[in-house]
Amino acid sequence: MTRLRIPGSIDHAVLTIAAEISYAEAARVAGRTVACIRDWTNDATTSVPSLSQAIALDAAYIAAGGENAPLHEAYAAKLEIVVAGRAACARTLSREVATAAREFGDLIAASLPVCQPGYSPNDAQRALLEADQAESAVAAVKRRLFSFLKTGAGPVGKAGGSHR
């Protein structure tokens, strides 16, 4: 049975290249074995061509008459997904920080009457309610901030949500 591959994926790109230039030539160009090239065409593997191997394979594909650079396009698509995800995460963090700031403002406003002589039990209950809401908002910010600590292949502190 023919294994289905997602167009634009790295495994599909390697398969496209190998189909054009042959597995043996792809192995020679990449400096790997034919078995390694076949492994790279398997979506279940975590092994992928290095940057220099990807460039060499794309160049060999183009030299053989290919009209594009399949691995370049696959890596570009993956990068676009990661960047979009980080931008969405930063936008969500901004909204959550704004909510926390608003909730803290409400907490301060509700707590000040409790500091005055003659406060009522309703004043204290309202302040407690606002404190709970502020606490929930801070917990949401804290959970989101943890997503910015996820590390990847790059230097520690530069992956996840680090947008420098």
Protein backbone atom coordinates (compact mmCIF):
# COMPACT_ATOMS: atom_id res chain seq x y z
CA MET A 1 0.00 0.00 0.00
CA THR A 2 1.28 3.46 -0.87
CA ARG A 3 1.89 5.61 2.18
CA LEU A 4 0.08 8.95 2.05
CA ARG A 5 2.19 12.01 2.77
CA ILE A 6 1.07 15.53 3.49
CA PRO A 7 2.07 17.86 0.64
CA GLY A 8 4.47 20.51 1.89
CA SER A 9 5.84 18.29 4.66
CA ILE A 10 9.52 17.45 4.91
CA ASP A 11 8.92 13.76 4.29
CA HIS A 12 6.91 14.60 1.17
CA ALA A 13 9.66 16.99 -0.01
CA VAL A 14 12.37 14.32 0.35
CA LEU A 15 10.15 11.83 -1.48
CA THR A 16 9.62 14.35 -4.30
CA ILE A 17 13.36 14.88 -4.60
CA ALA A 18 14.19 11.16 -4.45
CA ALA A 19 11.56 10.42 -7.10
CA GLU A 20 13.22 12.96 -9.41
CA ILE A 21 16.92 12.26 -8.84
CA SER A 22 16.73 8.66 -7.40
CA TYR A 23 17.28 7.46 -3.88
CA ALA A 24 20.89 6.55 -4.67
CA GLU A 25 21.67 10.04 -5.97
CA ALA A 26 19.86 11.65 -3.03
CA ALA A 27 21.96 9.52 -0.67
CA ARG A 28 25.16 10.53 -2.47
CA VAL A 29 24.25 14.24 -2.43
CA ALA A 30 23.28 14.18 1.26
CA GLY A 31 26.22 12.01 2.28
CA ARG A 32 23.89 9.44 3.81
CA THR A 33 22.65 5.94 3.01
CA VAL A 34 19.66 5.08 0.87
CA ALA A 35 18.06 3.72 4.05
CA CYS A 36 18.46 7.14 5.66
CA ILE A 37 16.83 8.86 2.67
CA ARG A 38 13.93 6.37 2.87
CA ASP A 39 13.68 7.11 6.59
CA TRP A 40 13.43 10.83 5.82
CA THR A 41 10.40 10.06 3.60
CA ASN A 42 8.61 8.47 6.56
CA ASP A 43 6.33 10.91 8.41
CA ALA A 44 6.68 8.85 11.59
CA THR A 45 10.41 9.51 11.88
CA THR A 46 11.93 12.41 13.77
CA SER A 47 15.04 12.44 11.60
CA VAL A 48 15.24 15.18 8.96
CA PRO A 49 17.94 16.51 6.66
CA SER A 50 20.29 19.11 8.10
CA LEU A 51 20.28 22.58 6.57
CA SER A 52 23.31 21.84 4.39
CA GLN A 53 21.81 18.52 3.28
CA ALA A 54 18.49 20.19 2.48
CA ILE A 55 20.22 22.84 0.38
CA ALA A 56 22.25 20.18 -1.46
CA LEU A 57 19.14 18.06 -2.11
CA ASP A 58 17.12 21.04 -3.34
CA ALA A 59 20.00 22.10 -5.59
CA ALA A 60 20.28 18.58 -7.04
CA TYR A 61 16.51 18.51 -7.61
CA ILE A 62 16.60 21.83 -9.47
CA ALA A 63 19.63 20.72 -11.50
CA ALA A 64 17.68 17.62 -12.53
CA GLY A 65 14.84 19.76 -13.87
CA GLY A 66 12.73 20.35 -10.78
CA GLU A 67 10.89 23.66 -10.83
CA ASN A 68 11.07 24.54 -7.16
CA ALA A 69 12.94 23.69 -3.96
CA PRO A 70 10.74 21.22 -2.05
CA LEU A 71 12.73 21.20 1.20
CA HIS A 72 13.07 24.98 1.22
CA GLU A 73 9.30 25.27 0.81
CA ALA A 74 8.66 22.67 3.54
CA TYR A 75 10.96 24.41 6.02
CA ALA A 76 9.45 27.81 5.12
CA ALA A 77 5.95 26.44 5.77
CA LYS A 78 7.02 25.06 9.15
CA LEU A 79 8.64 28.39 10.05
CA GLU A 80 5.49 30.27 9.11
CA ILE A 81 3.42 28.03 11.39
CA VAL A 82 5.82 28.53 14.32
CA VAL A 83 6.00 32.31 13.86
CA ALA A 84 2.23 32.61 13.56
CA GLY A 85 1.82 30.52 16.72
CA ARG A 86 4.23 32.72 18.67
CA ALA A 87 2.53 35.89 17.47
CA ALA A 88 -0.86 34.48 18.50
CA CYS A 89 0.59 33.53 21.90
CA ALA A 90 1.94 37.07 22.40
CA ARG A 91 -1.41 38.60 21.43
CA THR A 92 -3.19 36.32 23.89
CA LEU A 93 -0.71 37.24 26.62
CA SER A 94 -1.36 40.93 25.93
CA ARG A 95 -5.12 40.41 26.33
CA GLU A 96 -4.63 38.40 29.53
CA VAL A 97 -2.31 41.05 31.03
CA ALA A 98 -4.88 43.74 30.17
CA THR A 99 -7.60 41.69 31.88
CA ALA A 100 -5.40 41.20 34.96
CA ALA A 101 -4.68 44.93 35.12
CA ARG A 102 -8.39 45.72 34.90
CA GLU A 103 -9.21 43.15 37.59
CA PHE A 104 -6.51 44.57 39.88
CA GLY A 105 -7.90 48.05 39.34
CA ASP A 106 -11.34 46.74 40.33
CA LEU A 107 -9.79 45.07 43.40
CA ILE A 108 -8.13 48.30 44.49
CA ALA A 109 -11.30 50.31 43.93
CA ALA A 110 -13.38 47.77 45.88
CA SER A 111 -10.83 47.49 48.72
CA LEU A 112 -10.42 51.20 49.45
CA PRO A 113 -13.88 51.58 51.06
CA VAL A 114 -12.95 48.71 53.43
CA CYS A 115 -10.02 50.87 54.63
CA GLN A 116 -12.44 53.62 55.71
CA PRO A 117 -14.33 53.80 58.97
CA GLY A 118 -17.89 52.60 58.68
CA TYR A 119 -17.32 50.05 55.90
CA SER A 120 -20.10 47.51 55.48
CA PRO A 121 -19.91 43.73 55.20
CA ASN A 122 -21.08 44.18 51.60
CA ASP A 123 -17.98 46.31 50.93
CA ALA A 124 -15.76 43.52 52.25
CA GLN A 125 -17.63 40.87 50.23
CA ARG A 126 -17.31 42.93 47.06
CA ALA A 127 -13.56 43.36 47.70
CA LEU A 128 -13.21 39.60 48.23
CA LEU A 129 -15.06 38.91 44.98
CA GLU A 130 -12.74 41.30 43.14
CA ALA A 131 -9.73 39.64 44.78
CA ASP A 132 -10.88 36.24 43.47
CA GLN A 133 -11.31 37.65 39.97
CA ALA A 134 -7.87 39.31 40.09
CA GLU A 135 -6.33 36.06 41.33
CA SER A 136 -7.90 34.14 38.43
CA ALA A 137 -6.64 36.71 35.94
CA VAL A 138 -3.08 36.50 37.35
CA ALA A 139 -3.23 32.70 37.20
CA ALA A 140 -4.13 32.94 33.49
CA VAL A 141 -1.17 35.26 32.87
CA LYS A 142 1.12 32.90 34.77
CA ARG A 143 -0.02 29.89 32.71
CA ARG A 144 0.54 31.83 29.48
CA LEU A 145 3.99 33.00 30.58
CA PHE A 146 5.08 29.38 31.04
CA SER A 147 4.53 28.84 27.30
CA PHE A 148 7.28 31.40 26.68
CA LEU A 149 9.80 29.18 28.51
CA LYS A 150 9.47 26.15 26.23
CA THR A 151 12.82 25.34 24.74
CA GLY A 152 13.55 23.97 21.31
CA ALA A 153 16.71 23.36 19.37
CA GLY A 154 18.02 26.88 19.82
CA PRO A 155 19.73 28.54 22.76
CA VAL A 156 17.98 28.33 26.13
CA GLY A 157 15.63 31.25 26.62
CA LYS A 158 15.30 31.99 22.91
CA ALA A 159 12.56 29.47 22.07
CA GLY A 160 8.88 29.29 22.94
CA GLY A 161 7.67 32.82 23.38
CA SER A 162 11.01 34.60 23.30
CA HIS A 163 10.48 37.11 20.52
CA ARG A 164 13.90 38.74 20.35
